[in-house]
N, C-alpha and C. Protein backbone atom coordinates (compact mmCIF):
# COMPACT_ATOMS: atom_id res chain seq x y z
N UNK A 1 116.46 236.86 176.39
CA UNK A 1 115.80 235.67 176.87
C UNK A 1 116.83 234.86 177.74
N UNK A 2 118.06 234.85 177.33
CA UNK A 2 119.04 234.13 178.12
C UNK A 2 119.23 234.71 179.50
N UNK A 3 119.19 236.06 179.58
CA UNK A 3 119.34 236.75 180.95
C UNK A 3 118.06 236.52 181.78
N UNK A 4 116.93 236.27 181.15
CA UNK A 4 115.70 236.01 181.99
C UNK A 4 115.75 234.68 182.67
N UNK A 5 116.45 233.71 182.01
CA UNK A 5 116.50 232.38 182.64
C UNK A 5 115.25 231.58 182.40
N UNK A 6 115.35 230.24 182.38
CA UNK A 6 114.26 229.33 182.28
C UNK A 6 113.46 229.37 180.99
N UNK A 7 113.90 230.14 179.98
CA UNK A 7 113.28 230.19 178.68
C UNK A 7 114.25 229.95 177.50
N UNK A 8 115.47 229.51 177.81
CA UNK A 8 116.45 229.26 176.76
C UNK A 8 115.99 228.26 175.73
N UNK A 9 115.24 227.24 176.18
CA UNK A 9 114.80 226.16 175.25
C UNK A 9 113.82 226.74 174.22
N UNK A 10 113.23 227.85 174.47
CA UNK A 10 112.21 228.41 173.60
C UNK A 10 112.82 229.49 172.59
N UNK A 11 114.04 229.67 172.65
CA UNK A 11 114.74 230.68 171.74
C UNK A 11 114.48 230.38 170.29
N UNK A 12 114.67 229.15 169.83
CA UNK A 12 114.44 228.85 168.38
C UNK A 12 113.05 229.25 167.90
N UNK A 13 112.02 228.96 168.73
CA UNK A 13 110.63 229.27 168.38
C UNK A 13 110.43 230.78 168.26
N UNK A 14 110.97 231.51 169.17
CA UNK A 14 110.76 232.98 169.15
C UNK A 14 111.56 233.57 168.00
N UNK A 15 112.75 233.07 167.72
CA UNK A 15 113.50 233.54 166.57
C UNK A 15 112.69 233.26 165.26
N UNK A 16 112.13 232.06 165.17
CA UNK A 16 111.33 231.69 163.98
C UNK A 16 110.21 232.57 163.84
N UNK A 17 109.50 232.92 164.99
CA UNK A 17 108.38 233.81 165.00
C UNK A 17 108.69 235.23 164.48
N UNK A 18 109.91 235.64 164.82
CA UNK A 18 110.38 236.97 164.39
C UNK A 18 111.07 236.98 163.02
N UNK A 19 110.90 235.85 162.24
CA UNK A 19 111.47 235.68 160.93
C UNK A 19 113.03 235.78 160.88
N UNK A 20 113.61 235.25 162.01
CA UNK A 20 115.10 235.20 162.07
C UNK A 20 115.41 233.74 161.99
N UNK A 21 116.62 233.44 161.52
CA UNK A 21 117.07 231.99 161.50
C UNK A 21 116.92 231.47 162.91
N UNK A 22 116.20 230.38 163.03
CA UNK A 22 115.95 229.81 164.42
C UNK A 22 117.28 229.27 165.02
N UNK A 23 118.28 228.99 164.21
CA UNK A 23 119.50 228.47 164.72
C UNK A 23 119.46 226.94 165.05
N UNK A 24 118.32 226.36 164.76
CA UNK A 24 118.10 224.92 164.95
C UNK A 24 117.47 224.39 163.66
N UNK A 25 118.18 223.66 162.82
CA UNK A 25 117.64 223.21 161.62
C UNK A 25 116.41 222.29 161.82
N UNK A 26 116.43 221.58 162.95
CA UNK A 26 115.28 220.63 163.21
C UNK A 26 113.98 221.45 163.40
N UNK A 27 114.13 222.63 163.98
CA UNK A 27 112.88 223.46 164.24
C UNK A 27 112.30 223.92 162.92
N UNK A 28 113.12 224.38 162.07
CA UNK A 28 112.69 224.93 160.74
C UNK A 28 112.09 223.73 159.85
N UNK A 29 112.58 222.52 160.10
CA UNK A 29 112.15 221.40 159.29
C UNK A 29 110.87 220.69 159.83
N UNK A 30 110.48 221.03 161.02
CA UNK A 30 109.37 220.26 161.70
C UNK A 30 108.04 220.62 160.93
N UNK A 31 107.04 219.79 161.17
CA UNK A 31 105.75 220.02 160.61
C UNK A 31 105.08 221.34 161.11
N UNK A 32 104.36 221.95 160.29
CA UNK A 32 103.78 223.26 160.58
C UNK A 32 102.89 223.23 161.86
N UNK A 33 102.15 222.16 162.03
CA UNK A 33 101.30 222.11 163.26
C UNK A 33 102.14 221.95 164.53
N UNK A 34 103.11 221.13 164.49
CA UNK A 34 104.06 221.00 165.66
C UNK A 34 104.82 222.32 165.88
N UNK A 35 105.26 223.05 164.87
CA UNK A 35 105.96 224.24 165.04
C UNK A 35 105.06 225.30 165.57
N UNK A 36 103.81 225.32 165.12
CA UNK A 36 102.91 226.36 165.68
C UNK A 36 102.66 226.10 167.23
N UNK A 37 102.55 224.87 167.53
CA UNK A 37 102.32 224.52 169.00
C UNK A 37 103.54 224.93 169.83
N UNK A 38 104.72 224.75 169.29
CA UNK A 38 105.97 225.12 170.00
C UNK A 38 106.07 226.64 170.09
N UNK A 39 105.62 227.37 169.06
CA UNK A 39 105.64 228.85 169.07
C UNK A 39 104.62 229.32 170.17
N UNK A 40 103.43 228.75 170.24
CA UNK A 40 102.48 229.11 171.29
C UNK A 40 103.06 228.83 172.66
N UNK A 41 103.67 227.69 172.83
CA UNK A 41 104.30 227.30 174.06
C UNK A 41 105.44 228.35 174.47
N UNK A 42 106.25 228.73 173.48
CA UNK A 42 107.32 229.68 173.71
C UNK A 42 106.81 231.06 174.15
N UNK A 43 105.80 231.51 173.46
CA UNK A 43 105.20 232.81 173.83
C UNK A 43 104.62 232.82 175.19
N UNK A 44 103.89 231.67 175.50
CA UNK A 44 103.34 231.56 176.83
C UNK A 44 104.45 231.47 177.92
N UNK A 45 105.45 230.78 177.67
CA UNK A 45 106.64 230.67 178.65
C UNK A 45 107.29 232.01 178.83
N UNK A 46 107.40 232.71 177.73
CA UNK A 46 108.07 234.08 177.75
C UNK A 46 107.24 235.03 178.63
N UNK A 47 105.94 235.02 178.41
CA UNK A 47 105.00 235.94 179.19
C UNK A 47 104.99 235.57 180.62
N UNK A 48 104.94 234.23 180.96
CA UNK A 48 104.93 233.81 182.39
C UNK A 48 106.21 234.15 183.07
N UNK A 49 107.28 233.90 182.36
CA UNK A 49 108.61 234.19 183.03
C UNK A 49 108.75 235.69 183.23
N UNK A 50 108.38 236.48 182.17
CA UNK A 50 108.40 237.95 182.38
C UNK A 50 107.55 238.44 183.54
N UNK A 51 106.38 237.79 183.66
CA UNK A 51 105.51 238.27 184.75
C UNK A 51 106.07 237.90 186.13
N UNK A 52 106.89 236.82 186.20
CA UNK A 52 107.46 236.52 187.40
C UNK A 52 108.55 237.49 187.80
N UNK A 53 109.18 238.16 186.85
CA UNK A 53 110.27 239.05 187.08
C UNK A 53 109.73 240.46 187.42
N UNK A 54 108.64 240.87 186.72
CA UNK A 54 108.05 242.21 187.05
C UNK A 54 106.59 242.23 186.42
N UNK A 55 105.80 243.13 186.88
CA UNK A 55 104.45 243.18 186.34
C UNK A 55 104.44 243.43 184.83
N UNK A 56 103.52 242.83 184.21
CA UNK A 56 103.41 242.94 182.73
C UNK A 56 101.98 243.45 182.35
N UNK A 57 101.87 244.28 181.34
CA UNK A 57 100.61 244.69 180.81
C UNK A 57 100.56 244.17 179.35
N UNK A 58 99.61 243.34 179.05
CA UNK A 58 99.50 242.84 177.68
C UNK A 58 98.31 243.46 177.04
N UNK A 59 98.44 243.95 175.84
CA UNK A 59 97.39 244.48 175.08
C UNK A 59 97.15 243.62 173.81
N UNK A 60 95.94 243.10 173.70
CA UNK A 60 95.61 242.18 172.61
C UNK A 60 94.60 242.96 171.71
N UNK A 61 95.12 243.34 170.56
CA UNK A 61 94.30 244.09 169.56
C UNK A 61 93.55 243.10 168.76
N UNK A 62 92.34 243.49 168.31
CA UNK A 62 91.49 242.65 167.46
C UNK A 62 91.24 241.24 168.08
N UNK A 63 90.94 241.23 169.35
CA UNK A 63 90.69 239.95 170.04
C UNK A 63 89.57 239.12 169.46
N UNK A 64 88.56 239.81 168.83
CA UNK A 64 87.47 239.14 168.29
C UNK A 64 87.90 238.29 167.07
N UNK A 65 89.09 238.46 166.54
CA UNK A 65 89.52 237.61 165.37
C UNK A 65 90.25 236.41 165.80
N UNK A 66 90.52 236.18 167.12
CA UNK A 66 91.36 235.07 167.67
C UNK A 66 90.67 233.74 167.39
N UNK A 67 91.46 232.76 167.07
CA UNK A 67 90.91 231.44 166.76
C UNK A 67 90.89 230.64 168.14
N UNK A 68 90.21 229.47 168.04
CA UNK A 68 90.10 228.70 169.29
C UNK A 68 91.33 228.11 169.88
N UNK A 69 92.38 227.90 168.99
CA UNK A 69 93.59 227.34 169.58
C UNK A 69 94.43 228.33 170.22
N UNK A 70 94.18 229.64 169.94
CA UNK A 70 95.00 230.74 170.61
C UNK A 70 94.46 230.97 172.04
């Protein structure tokens, strides 16, 4: 993510999503709703930045189970 550029601020959220220590105690301590929003923002930023670097193909399995916030 650091080599991609423009997504460094989202590293703690992606690390938390992958069940790795986020490296930021404030991120782990924040409210679940706020943390979820930051994770969605991080995934979105990662996808958009990746698409700017090269074409991406995203496969969403079980899309019919997705909730409205996703």
